Amino acid sequence: MDLNDRAALRRKLIQDRLDLPGRLALAEELQSVLRVWLVHRSELTIGAYWPIKGEFDPLPALYRWSEANPLRRIGLPVVDKEHGTLRFQVWYPGCPMEEDAYGIPKPKDTEVFEPQLLLVPCVGFGPCGLRLGYGGGFMDRTLAALRPRPATLGVGYAHGFQPMLKAETHDVPLDAMITEEGVVWEVRA
């Protein structure tokens, strides 16, 4: 497959993810990796995502993280159509939800906040912080616009590693990447 054909690569990786043997067991392993990774983090606000197309669901681990400190908040993205970016609204189990224009659930009428840490779903990923998303550019534009820029953690399954993937000019590198196998890379400040 031509790695320059990102649309074809996305389709293949999404289908591969949906077909992963033992995906539920892999998700349990990734839950553990995420919980351990979060233990020593100082951030109080995390922007996450609602899992779609076989993505790993980070919300159970994040909810456990939030239970340890009443000041910790979790947010889910809401599309800002005017700017093509994402803003984050508080999420908690049982909060009112509605579907966005893409059919993805989002919090309804909850507080907007700036995340200090952003969990970023990865369709695929390459070396040195390179992420392959769905191609809409929402995450890259959001990261370019947020000030201060939050720390970023890519989350995905190990099958998505593409060692020959090349960055495009708009790609914003991630600070860390985890899979069910552990920490793939992490930039130390």
N, C-alpha and C. Protein backbone atom coordinates (compact mmCIF):
# COMPACT_ATOMS: atom_id res chain seq x y z
N MET A 1 0.84 -1.18 0.00
CA MET A 1 0.00 0.00 0.00
C MET A 1 0.88 1.24 0.00
N ASP A 2 0.49 2.23 -0.76
CA ASP A 2 1.19 3.49 -0.85
C ASP A 2 0.88 4.33 0.39
N LEU A 3 1.91 4.58 1.22
CA LEU A 3 1.70 5.34 2.44
C LEU A 3 1.35 6.80 2.15
N ASN A 4 1.55 7.26 0.91
CA ASN A 4 1.15 8.61 0.56
C ASN A 4 -0.36 8.70 0.34
N ASP A 5 -1.02 7.57 0.15
CA ASP A 5 -2.47 7.53 0.00
C ASP A 5 -3.07 7.37 1.40
N ARG A 6 -3.16 8.47 2.11
CA ARG A 6 -3.62 8.42 3.50
C ARG A 6 -5.07 7.96 3.62
N ALA A 7 -5.91 8.28 2.65
CA ALA A 7 -7.31 7.85 2.72
C ALA A 7 -7.39 6.32 2.68
N ALA A 8 -6.65 5.69 1.80
CA ALA A 8 -6.64 4.22 1.72
C ALA A 8 -6.04 3.61 2.99
N LEU A 9 -4.99 4.22 3.49
CA LEU A 9 -4.37 3.73 4.72
C LEU A 9 -5.34 3.84 5.90
N ARG A 10 -6.06 4.93 5.99
CA ARG A 10 -7.06 5.09 7.06
C ARG A 10 -8.11 3.98 6.99
N ARG A 11 -8.65 3.77 5.79
CA ARG A 11 -9.68 2.73 5.62
C ARG A 11 -9.14 1.37 6.05
N LYS A 12 -7.93 1.04 5.63
CA LYS A 12 -7.33 -0.25 5.99
C LYS A 12 -7.14 -0.37 7.50
N LEU A 13 -6.57 0.67 8.12
CA LEU A 13 -6.30 0.61 9.56
C LEU A 13 -7.59 0.54 10.38
N ILE A 14 -8.63 1.26 9.96
CA ILE A 14 -9.91 1.20 10.67
C ILE A 14 -10.50 -0.21 10.56
N GLN A 15 -10.47 -0.77 9.36
CA GLN A 15 -10.99 -2.14 9.20
C GLN A 15 -10.16 -3.14 9.99
N ASP A 16 -8.84 -2.99 9.96
CA ASP A 16 -7.97 -3.87 10.74
C ASP A 16 -8.29 -3.77 12.23
N ARG A 17 -8.55 -2.54 12.69
CA ARG A 17 -8.88 -2.34 14.11
C ARG A 17 -10.20 -3.02 14.46
N LEU A 18 -11.19 -2.88 13.59
CA LEU A 18 -12.48 -3.54 13.83
C LEU A 18 -12.35 -5.06 13.83
N ASP A 19 -11.40 -5.58 13.06
CA ASP A 19 -11.20 -7.02 12.94
C ASP A 19 -10.16 -7.59 13.89
N LEU A 20 -9.58 -6.75 14.76
CA LEU A 20 -8.52 -7.22 15.67
C LEU A 20 -9.01 -8.41 16.48
N PRO A 21 -8.30 -9.54 16.42
CA PRO A 21 -8.68 -10.65 17.27
C PRO A 21 -8.42 -10.29 18.74
N GLY A 22 -9.36 -10.60 19.60
CA GLY A 22 -9.18 -10.33 21.02
C GLY A 22 -9.18 -8.85 21.35
N ARG A 23 -9.92 -8.04 20.58
CA ARG A 23 -9.91 -6.59 20.79
C ARG A 23 -10.36 -6.21 22.20
N LEU A 24 -11.32 -6.95 22.78
CA LEU A 24 -11.76 -6.62 24.14
C LEU A 24 -10.65 -6.86 25.15
N ALA A 25 -9.89 -7.93 24.99
CA ALA A 25 -8.76 -8.19 25.89
C ALA A 25 -7.69 -7.12 25.70
N LEU A 26 -7.46 -6.71 24.45
CA LEU A 26 -6.48 -5.64 24.19
C LEU A 26 -6.94 -4.33 24.83
N ALA A 27 -8.24 -4.07 24.79
CA ALA A 27 -8.78 -2.86 25.42
C ALA A 27 -8.57 -2.89 26.93
N GLU A 28 -8.73 -4.05 27.55
CA GLU A 28 -8.48 -4.17 29.00
C GLU A 28 -7.03 -3.88 29.31
N GLU A 29 -6.12 -4.38 28.47
CA GLU A 29 -4.69 -4.12 28.68
C GLU A 29 -4.40 -2.63 28.53
N LEU A 30 -5.02 -1.99 27.54
CA LEU A 30 -4.81 -0.56 27.32
C LEU A 30 -5.41 0.26 28.46
N GLN A 31 -6.54 -0.19 29.04
CA GLN A 31 -7.08 0.48 30.23
C GLN A 31 -6.03 0.51 31.34
N SER A 32 -5.36 -0.62 31.55
CA SER A 32 -4.33 -0.70 32.59
C SER A 32 -3.16 0.22 32.29
N VAL A 33 -2.71 0.24 31.04
CA VAL A 33 -1.59 1.11 30.65
C VAL A 33 -1.96 2.57 30.91
N LEU A 34 -3.16 2.95 30.51
CA LEU A 34 -3.59 4.33 30.71
C LEU A 34 -3.69 4.69 32.19
N ARG A 35 -4.26 3.81 32.99
CA ARG A 35 -4.37 4.10 34.44
C ARG A 35 -3.00 4.30 35.06
N VAL A 36 -2.03 3.45 34.71
CA VAL A 36 -0.68 3.58 35.26
C VAL A 36 -0.03 4.87 34.75
N TRP A 37 -0.21 5.18 33.48
CA TRP A 37 0.40 6.38 32.90
C TRP A 37 -0.12 7.63 33.60
N LEU A 38 -1.39 7.64 33.99
CA LEU A 38 -2.00 8.81 34.61
C LEU A 38 -1.60 9.02 36.08
N VAL A 39 -1.08 7.99 36.73
CA VAL A 39 -0.84 8.05 38.18
C VAL A 39 -0.03 9.27 38.60
N HIS A 40 1.02 9.60 37.91
CA HIS A 40 1.89 10.69 38.35
C HIS A 40 1.69 11.98 37.57
N ARG A 41 0.61 12.07 36.83
CA ARG A 41 0.33 13.29 36.07
C ARG A 41 -0.27 14.35 37.00
N SER A 42 0.09 15.61 36.77
CA SER A 42 -0.38 16.69 37.64
C SER A 42 -1.61 17.42 37.08
N GLU A 43 -1.96 17.17 35.83
CA GLU A 43 -3.08 17.89 35.23
C GLU A 43 -4.38 17.61 35.97
N LEU A 44 -5.26 18.62 35.99
CA LEU A 44 -6.57 18.47 36.62
C LEU A 44 -7.70 18.40 35.60
N THR A 45 -7.40 18.76 34.34
CA THR A 45 -8.43 18.71 33.30
C THR A 45 -7.90 17.93 32.10
N ILE A 46 -8.69 16.97 31.67
CA ILE A 46 -8.30 16.13 30.53
C ILE A 46 -9.41 16.19 29.48
N GLY A 47 -9.01 16.50 28.26
CA GLY A 47 -9.91 16.40 27.12
C GLY A 47 -9.75 15.02 26.53
N ALA A 48 -10.85 14.34 26.31
CA ALA A 48 -10.80 12.98 25.79
C ALA A 48 -11.62 12.91 24.50
N TYR A 49 -12.22 11.77 24.24
CA TYR A 49 -13.02 11.59 23.03
C TYR A 49 -14.03 10.47 23.28
N TRP A 50 -15.12 10.52 22.51
CA TRP A 50 -16.12 9.45 22.53
C TRP A 50 -15.67 8.43 21.49
N PRO A 51 -15.46 7.16 21.87
CA PRO A 51 -14.90 6.19 20.92
C PRO A 51 -15.87 5.84 19.78
N ILE A 52 -15.31 5.84 18.57
CA ILE A 52 -16.06 5.45 17.38
C ILE A 52 -15.22 4.49 16.55
N LYS A 53 -15.83 3.74 15.68
CA LYS A 53 -15.15 2.89 14.70
C LYS A 53 -14.10 1.98 15.34
N GLY A 54 -14.46 1.37 16.47
CA GLY A 54 -13.56 0.42 17.12
C GLY A 54 -12.44 1.04 17.92
N GLU A 55 -12.49 2.36 18.16
CA GLU A 55 -11.46 3.01 18.97
C GLU A 55 -11.49 2.49 20.40
N PHE A 56 -10.36 2.59 21.05
CA PHE A 56 -10.25 2.31 22.47
C PHE A 56 -11.10 3.32 23.25
N ASP A 57 -11.81 2.84 24.26
CA ASP A 57 -12.64 3.71 25.10
C ASP A 57 -11.86 4.09 26.36
N PRO A 58 -11.39 5.36 26.44
CA PRO A 58 -10.61 5.79 27.60
C PRO A 58 -11.46 6.20 28.80
N LEU A 59 -12.77 6.32 28.61
CA LEU A 59 -13.62 6.92 29.64
C LEU A 59 -13.66 6.15 30.96
N PRO A 60 -13.66 4.82 30.98
CA PRO A 60 -13.62 4.13 32.29
C PRO A 60 -12.35 4.46 33.09
N ALA A 61 -11.20 4.47 32.44
CA ALA A 61 -9.96 4.79 33.15
C ALA A 61 -9.96 6.24 33.60
N LEU A 62 -10.48 7.13 32.76
CA LEU A 62 -10.52 8.55 33.14
C LEU A 62 -11.48 8.79 34.29
N TYR A 63 -12.59 8.09 34.29
CA TYR A 63 -13.53 8.26 35.39
C TYR A 63 -12.88 7.82 36.71
N ARG A 64 -12.16 6.71 36.69
CA ARG A 64 -11.45 6.28 37.91
C ARG A 64 -10.42 7.32 38.31
N TRP A 65 -9.72 7.91 37.34
CA TRP A 65 -8.75 8.96 37.61
C TRP A 65 -9.44 10.14 38.29
N SER A 66 -10.62 10.52 37.79
CA SER A 66 -11.32 11.69 38.33
C SER A 66 -11.86 11.46 39.73
N GLU A 67 -12.17 10.22 40.07
CA GLU A 67 -12.71 9.91 41.41
C GLU A 67 -11.71 10.19 42.52
N ALA A 68 -10.41 10.17 42.19
CA ALA A 68 -9.38 10.34 43.20
C ALA A 68 -9.22 11.79 43.67
N ASN A 69 -9.80 12.74 42.93
CA ASN A 69 -9.65 14.15 43.27
C ASN A 69 -10.87 14.91 42.74
N PRO A 70 -11.64 15.55 43.61
CA PRO A 70 -12.86 16.24 43.17
C PRO A 70 -12.60 17.42 42.23
N LEU A 71 -11.35 17.90 42.14
CA LEU A 71 -11.03 19.01 41.24
C LEU A 71 -10.77 18.54 39.80
N ARG A 72 -10.61 17.23 39.62
CA ARG A 72 -10.32 16.70 38.28
C ARG A 72 -11.58 16.67 37.43
N ARG A 73 -11.41 17.10 36.16
CA ARG A 73 -12.55 17.11 35.24
C ARG A 73 -12.15 16.47 33.92
N ILE A 74 -13.13 15.83 33.30
CA ILE A 74 -12.98 15.18 32.00
C ILE A 74 -13.86 15.94 31.03
N GLY A 75 -13.38 16.16 29.82
CA GLY A 75 -14.18 16.81 28.80
C GLY A 75 -14.21 16.01 27.52
N LEU A 76 -15.29 16.16 26.79
CA LEU A 76 -15.42 15.56 25.47
C LEU A 76 -15.50 16.68 24.44
N PRO A 77 -15.05 16.40 23.21
CA PRO A 77 -15.02 17.46 22.20
C PRO A 77 -16.38 17.80 21.62
N VAL A 78 -16.51 19.07 21.30
CA VAL A 78 -17.67 19.60 20.59
C VAL A 78 -17.10 20.43 19.44
N VAL A 79 -17.57 20.18 18.23
CA VAL A 79 -17.04 20.85 17.05
C VAL A 79 -17.47 22.31 17.02
N ASP A 80 -16.49 23.19 16.83
CA ASP A 80 -16.74 24.61 16.56
C ASP A 80 -16.74 24.74 15.04
N LYS A 81 -17.92 24.77 14.44
CA LYS A 81 -18.04 24.76 12.98
C LYS A 81 -17.42 25.99 12.33
N GLU A 82 -17.49 27.12 13.01
CA GLU A 82 -16.97 28.37 12.43
C GLU A 82 -15.46 28.31 12.23
N HIS A 83 -14.73 27.72 13.20
CA HIS A 83 -13.28 27.69 13.13
C HIS A 83 -12.71 26.33 12.75
N GLY A 84 -13.55 25.31 12.68
CA GLY A 84 -13.07 23.97 12.35
C GLY A 84 -12.19 23.39 13.43
N THR A 85 -12.46 23.79 14.69
CA THR A 85 -11.69 23.30 15.83
C THR A 85 -12.63 22.61 16.81
N LEU A 86 -12.06 22.15 17.88
CA LEU A 86 -12.83 21.49 18.93
C LEU A 86 -12.75 22.31 20.20
N ARG A 87 -13.85 22.34 20.94
CA ARG A 87 -13.81 22.86 22.31
C ARG A 87 -14.23 21.68 23.19
N PHE A 88 -13.93 21.77 24.45
CA PHE A 88 -14.19 20.64 25.34
C PHE A 88 -15.19 21.02 26.42
N GLN A 89 -16.20 20.17 26.57
CA GLN A 89 -17.23 20.37 27.57
C GLN A 89 -17.16 19.23 28.59
N VAL A 90 -17.43 19.59 29.83
CA VAL A 90 -17.36 18.63 30.93
C VAL A 90 -18.25 17.41 30.63
N TRP A 91 -17.70 16.23 30.90
CA TRP A 91 -18.42 14.96 30.79
C TRP A 91 -18.29 14.22 32.10
N TYR A 92 -19.34 13.54 32.48
CA TYR A 92 -19.33 12.63 33.63
C TYR A 92 -20.37 11.56 33.31
N PRO A 93 -20.22 10.37 33.91
CA PRO A 93 -21.20 9.31 33.63
C PRO A 93 -22.61 9.79 33.95
N GLY A 94 -23.50 9.63 32.99
CA GLY A 94 -24.89 10.01 33.19
C GLY A 94 -25.21 11.45 32.82
N CYS A 95 -24.20 12.24 32.38
CA CYS A 95 -24.50 13.63 32.03
C CYS A 95 -25.38 13.64 30.77
N PRO A 96 -26.17 14.69 30.59
CA PRO A 96 -27.01 14.77 29.39
C PRO A 96 -26.13 14.79 28.14
N MET A 97 -26.53 14.03 27.14
CA MET A 97 -25.77 13.93 25.89
C MET A 97 -26.71 14.18 24.71
N GLU A 98 -26.10 14.60 23.60
CA GLU A 98 -26.81 14.72 22.34
C GLU A 98 -25.82 14.40 21.23
N GLU A 99 -26.33 14.10 20.03
CA GLU A 99 -25.45 13.80 18.92
C GLU A 99 -25.02 15.09 18.22
N ASP A 100 -23.76 15.10 17.78
CA ASP A 100 -23.30 16.24 16.99
C ASP A 100 -23.66 16.01 15.51
N ALA A 101 -23.20 16.88 14.65
CA ALA A 101 -23.53 16.79 13.22
C ALA A 101 -23.00 15.52 12.57
N TYR A 102 -22.02 14.86 13.23
CA TYR A 102 -21.44 13.63 12.69
C TYR A 102 -22.03 12.38 13.34
N GLY A 103 -23.04 12.58 14.20
CA GLY A 103 -23.67 11.44 14.87
C GLY A 103 -22.90 10.93 16.08
N ILE A 104 -21.94 11.72 16.57
CA ILE A 104 -21.12 11.33 17.72
C ILE A 104 -21.69 12.00 18.96
N PRO A 105 -21.91 11.24 20.04
CA PRO A 105 -22.43 11.84 21.27
C PRO A 105 -21.50 12.91 21.84
N LYS A 106 -22.10 13.98 22.35
CA LYS A 106 -21.36 15.07 23.00
C LYS A 106 -22.16 15.52 24.21
N PRO A 107 -21.49 16.09 25.22
CA PRO A 107 -22.21 16.60 26.38
C PRO A 107 -23.15 17.73 25.97
N LYS A 108 -24.30 17.76 26.62
CA LYS A 108 -25.29 18.80 26.33
C LYS A 108 -25.33 19.79 27.48
N ASP A 109 -25.05 21.05 27.16
CA ASP A 109 -25.19 22.14 28.12
C ASP A 109 -24.32 21.98 29.36
N THR A 110 -23.11 21.45 29.21
CA THR A 110 -22.18 21.40 30.35
C THR A 110 -21.11 22.47 30.13
N GLU A 111 -20.34 22.74 31.17
CA GLU A 111 -19.33 23.79 31.16
C GLU A 111 -18.23 23.51 30.13
N VAL A 112 -17.78 24.57 29.45
CA VAL A 112 -16.64 24.50 28.53
C VAL A 112 -15.37 24.76 29.34
N PHE A 113 -14.29 24.03 29.05
CA PHE A 113 -13.02 24.27 29.72
C PHE A 113 -11.86 23.98 28.79
N GLU A 114 -10.69 24.49 29.15
CA GLU A 114 -9.46 24.24 28.40
C GLU A 114 -8.75 23.05 29.03
N PRO A 115 -8.53 21.98 28.29
CA PRO A 115 -7.83 20.83 28.87
C PRO A 115 -6.34 21.11 29.04
N GLN A 116 -5.79 20.57 30.12
CA GLN A 116 -4.35 20.65 30.35
C GLN A 116 -3.66 19.45 29.71
N LEU A 117 -4.40 18.37 29.53
CA LEU A 117 -3.93 17.15 28.87
C LEU A 117 -5.00 16.74 27.89
N LEU A 118 -4.58 16.35 26.71
CA LEU A 118 -5.51 15.95 25.67
C LEU A 118 -5.20 14.52 25.24
N LEU A 119 -6.18 13.63 25.39
CA LEU A 119 -6.07 12.27 24.87
C LEU A 119 -6.53 12.29 23.42
N VAL A 120 -5.69 11.82 22.54
CA VAL A 120 -5.93 11.93 21.11
C VAL A 120 -6.03 10.53 20.51
N PRO A 121 -7.19 10.19 19.94
CA PRO A 121 -7.33 8.87 19.32
C PRO A 121 -6.50 8.81 18.03
N CYS A 122 -5.90 7.66 17.79
CA CYS A 122 -5.05 7.49 16.61
C CYS A 122 -5.58 6.36 15.75
N VAL A 123 -5.85 6.65 14.49
CA VAL A 123 -6.15 5.60 13.53
C VAL A 123 -4.86 4.83 13.30
N GLY A 124 -3.77 5.58 13.15
CA GLY A 124 -2.43 5.02 13.02
C GLY A 124 -1.45 6.00 13.61
N PHE A 125 -0.19 5.57 13.72
CA PHE A 125 0.84 6.46 14.24
C PHE A 125 2.19 6.02 13.71
N GLY A 126 3.09 6.99 13.64
CA GLY A 126 4.44 6.73 13.16
C GLY A 126 5.44 7.16 14.21
N PRO A 127 6.71 7.24 13.82
CA PRO A 127 7.75 7.63 14.77
C PRO A 127 7.63 9.08 15.22
N CYS A 128 8.19 9.36 16.37
CA CYS A 128 8.41 10.72 16.86
C CYS A 128 7.15 11.58 16.98
N GLY A 129 6.07 11.02 17.43
CA GLY A 129 4.88 11.80 17.69
C GLY A 129 3.93 11.95 16.53
N LEU A 130 4.19 11.29 15.43
CA LEU A 130 3.34 11.41 14.25
C LEU A 130 2.06 10.61 14.44
N ARG A 131 0.93 11.27 14.16
CA ARG A 131 -0.40 10.67 14.32
C ARG A 131 -1.15 10.72 13.01
N LEU A 132 -1.85 9.64 12.72
CA LEU A 132 -2.75 9.59 11.58
C LEU A 132 -4.16 9.57 12.15
N GLY A 133 -4.93 10.64 11.88
CA GLY A 133 -6.30 10.72 12.35
C GLY A 133 -7.26 10.40 11.23
N TYR A 134 -8.46 10.94 11.33
CA TYR A 134 -9.49 10.65 10.33
C TYR A 134 -9.42 11.56 9.11
N GLY A 135 -8.57 12.57 9.13
CA GLY A 135 -8.37 13.38 7.95
C GLY A 135 -9.13 14.69 7.92
N GLY A 136 -9.93 14.96 8.94
CA GLY A 136 -10.69 16.21 8.96
C GLY A 136 -9.89 17.41 9.43
N GLY A 137 -8.76 17.17 10.10
CA GLY A 137 -7.89 18.25 10.56
C GLY A 137 -8.34 18.93 11.84
N PHE A 138 -9.44 18.47 12.44
CA PHE A 138 -9.96 19.13 13.65
C PHE A 138 -8.92 19.14 14.77
N MET A 139 -8.28 17.99 15.00
CA MET A 139 -7.34 17.90 16.12
C MET A 139 -6.11 18.77 15.87
N ASP A 140 -5.55 18.73 14.66
CA ASP A 140 -4.37 19.54 14.37
C ASP A 140 -4.69 21.03 14.49
N ARG A 141 -5.84 21.48 13.98
CA ARG A 141 -6.22 22.89 14.11
C ARG A 141 -6.45 23.26 15.57
N THR A 142 -7.05 22.36 16.33
CA THR A 142 -7.29 22.62 17.75
C THR A 142 -5.98 22.76 18.50
N LEU A 143 -5.04 21.85 18.26
CA LEU A 143 -3.75 21.92 18.94
C LEU A 143 -2.98 23.17 18.55
N ALA A 144 -3.09 23.57 17.30
CA ALA A 144 -2.40 24.78 16.85
C ALA A 144 -3.01 26.03 17.50
N ALA A 145 -4.30 25.98 17.85
CA ALA A 145 -5.00 27.16 18.38
C ALA A 145 -4.96 27.27 19.90
N LEU A 146 -4.85 26.15 20.61
CA LEU A 146 -4.92 26.19 22.08
C LEU A 146 -3.68 26.84 22.68
N ARG A 147 -3.91 27.81 23.56
CA ARG A 147 -2.82 28.49 24.29
C ARG A 147 -3.21 28.58 25.74
N PRO A 148 -2.45 28.06 26.66
CA PRO A 148 -1.26 27.27 26.38
C PRO A 148 -1.64 25.92 25.76
N ARG A 149 -0.70 25.39 25.00
CA ARG A 149 -0.94 24.10 24.36
C ARG A 149 -0.96 23.01 25.43
N PRO A 150 -1.99 22.17 25.42
CA PRO A 150 -2.02 21.09 26.40
C PRO A 150 -1.00 20.00 26.06
N ALA A 151 -0.61 19.24 27.06
CA ALA A 151 0.17 18.03 26.79
C ALA A 151 -0.73 17.08 26.00
N THR A 152 -0.14 16.27 25.13
CA THR A 152 -0.93 15.38 24.28
C THR A 152 -0.48 13.94 24.44
N LEU A 153 -1.47 13.06 24.54
CA LEU A 153 -1.22 11.63 24.63
C LEU A 153 -1.99 10.93 23.53
N GLY A 154 -1.28 10.33 22.59
CA GLY A 154 -1.91 9.52 21.57
C GLY A 154 -2.30 8.18 22.16
N VAL A 155 -3.48 7.69 21.76
CA VAL A 155 -3.99 6.43 22.28
C VAL A 155 -4.45 5.59 21.09
N GLY A 156 -3.96 4.37 21.03
CA GLY A 156 -4.37 3.48 19.95
C GLY A 156 -3.83 2.09 20.18
N TYR A 157 -4.17 1.21 19.29
CA TYR A 157 -3.69 -0.17 19.37
C TYR A 157 -2.39 -0.30 18.59
N ALA A 158 -1.54 -1.22 19.02
CA ALA A 158 -0.21 -1.40 18.43
C ALA A 158 -0.26 -1.72 16.94
N HIS A 159 -1.35 -2.32 16.46
CA HIS A 159 -1.43 -2.66 15.03
C HIS A 159 -1.32 -1.42 14.14
N GLY A 160 -1.60 -0.23 14.71
CA GLY A 160 -1.61 1.00 13.93
C GLY A 160 -0.25 1.62 13.68
N PHE A 161 0.82 1.03 14.23
CA PHE A 161 2.15 1.61 14.03
C PHE A 161 2.57 1.47 12.57
N GLN A 162 2.93 2.61 11.98
CA GLN A 162 3.35 2.69 10.58
C GLN A 162 4.75 3.31 10.55
N PRO A 163 5.81 2.49 10.58
CA PRO A 163 7.16 3.02 10.72
C PRO A 163 7.61 3.92 9.57
N MET A 164 6.99 3.80 8.40
CA MET A 164 7.39 4.61 7.25
C MET A 164 6.49 5.82 7.03
N LEU A 165 5.55 6.07 7.95
CA LEU A 165 4.63 7.20 7.81
C LEU A 165 5.41 8.50 7.87
N LYS A 166 5.10 9.40 6.96
CA LYS A 166 5.79 10.69 6.89
C LYS A 166 4.84 11.81 7.32
N ALA A 167 5.39 12.80 7.99
CA ALA A 167 4.60 13.94 8.44
C ALA A 167 4.22 14.82 7.26
N GLU A 168 3.03 15.43 7.36
CA GLU A 168 2.62 16.46 6.42
C GLU A 168 2.77 17.80 7.12
N THR A 169 2.75 18.88 6.37
CA THR A 169 3.07 20.20 6.94
C THR A 169 2.14 20.62 8.07
N HIS A 170 0.89 20.18 8.05
CA HIS A 170 -0.07 20.60 9.07
C HIS A 170 -0.06 19.69 10.31
N ASP A 171 0.66 18.57 10.26
CA ASP A 171 0.67 17.62 11.37
C ASP A 171 1.32 18.23 12.61
N VAL A 172 0.65 18.11 13.74
CA VAL A 172 1.18 18.57 15.03
C VAL A 172 1.60 17.33 15.80
N PRO A 173 2.89 17.19 16.13
CA PRO A 173 3.34 15.96 16.81
C PRO A 173 2.78 15.86 18.23
N LEU A 174 2.57 14.62 18.65
CA LEU A 174 2.10 14.32 20.00
C LEU A 174 3.27 14.24 20.95
N ASP A 175 2.98 14.41 22.25
CA ASP A 175 4.03 14.35 23.27
C ASP A 175 4.31 12.93 23.74
N ALA A 176 3.30 12.07 23.64
CA ALA A 176 3.45 10.68 24.10
C ALA A 176 2.46 9.82 23.33
N MET A 177 2.74 8.52 23.32
CA MET A 177 1.87 7.55 22.66
C MET A 177 1.84 6.29 23.49
N ILE A 178 0.62 5.77 23.74
CA ILE A 178 0.50 4.49 24.43
C ILE A 178 -0.36 3.54 23.60
N THR A 179 -0.06 2.26 23.75
CA THR A 179 -0.87 1.19 23.18
C THR A 179 -1.05 0.15 24.27
N GLU A 180 -1.70 -0.93 23.93
CA GLU A 180 -1.87 -2.02 24.89
C GLU A 180 -0.53 -2.62 25.30
N GLU A 181 0.52 -2.35 24.53
CA GLU A 181 1.85 -2.88 24.85
C GLU A 181 2.63 -1.96 25.78
N GLY A 182 2.12 -0.77 26.06
CA GLY A 182 2.79 0.15 26.96
C GLY A 182 3.06 1.49 26.30
N VAL A 183 4.03 2.22 26.86
CA VAL A 183 4.40 3.53 26.33
C VAL A 183 5.29 3.31 25.10
N VAL A 184 4.85 3.85 23.97
CA VAL A 184 5.62 3.72 22.72
C VAL A 184 6.71 4.78 22.68
N TRP A 185 6.36 6.00 23.02
CA TRP A 185 7.33 7.09 23.17
C TRP A 185 6.74 8.12 24.10
N GLU A 186 7.63 8.92 24.68
CA GLU A 186 7.20 10.01 25.54
C GLU A 186 8.29 11.06 25.54
N VAL A 187 7.90 12.29 25.24
CA VAL A 187 8.83 13.41 25.27
C VAL A 187 8.90 13.88 26.72
N ARG A 188 10.07 13.95 27.26
CA ARG A 188 10.25 14.42 28.65
C ARG A 188 10.58 15.89 28.63
N ALA A 189 9.84 16.66 29.40
CA ALA A 189 10.08 18.12 29.47
C ALA A 189 11.21 18.43 30.40
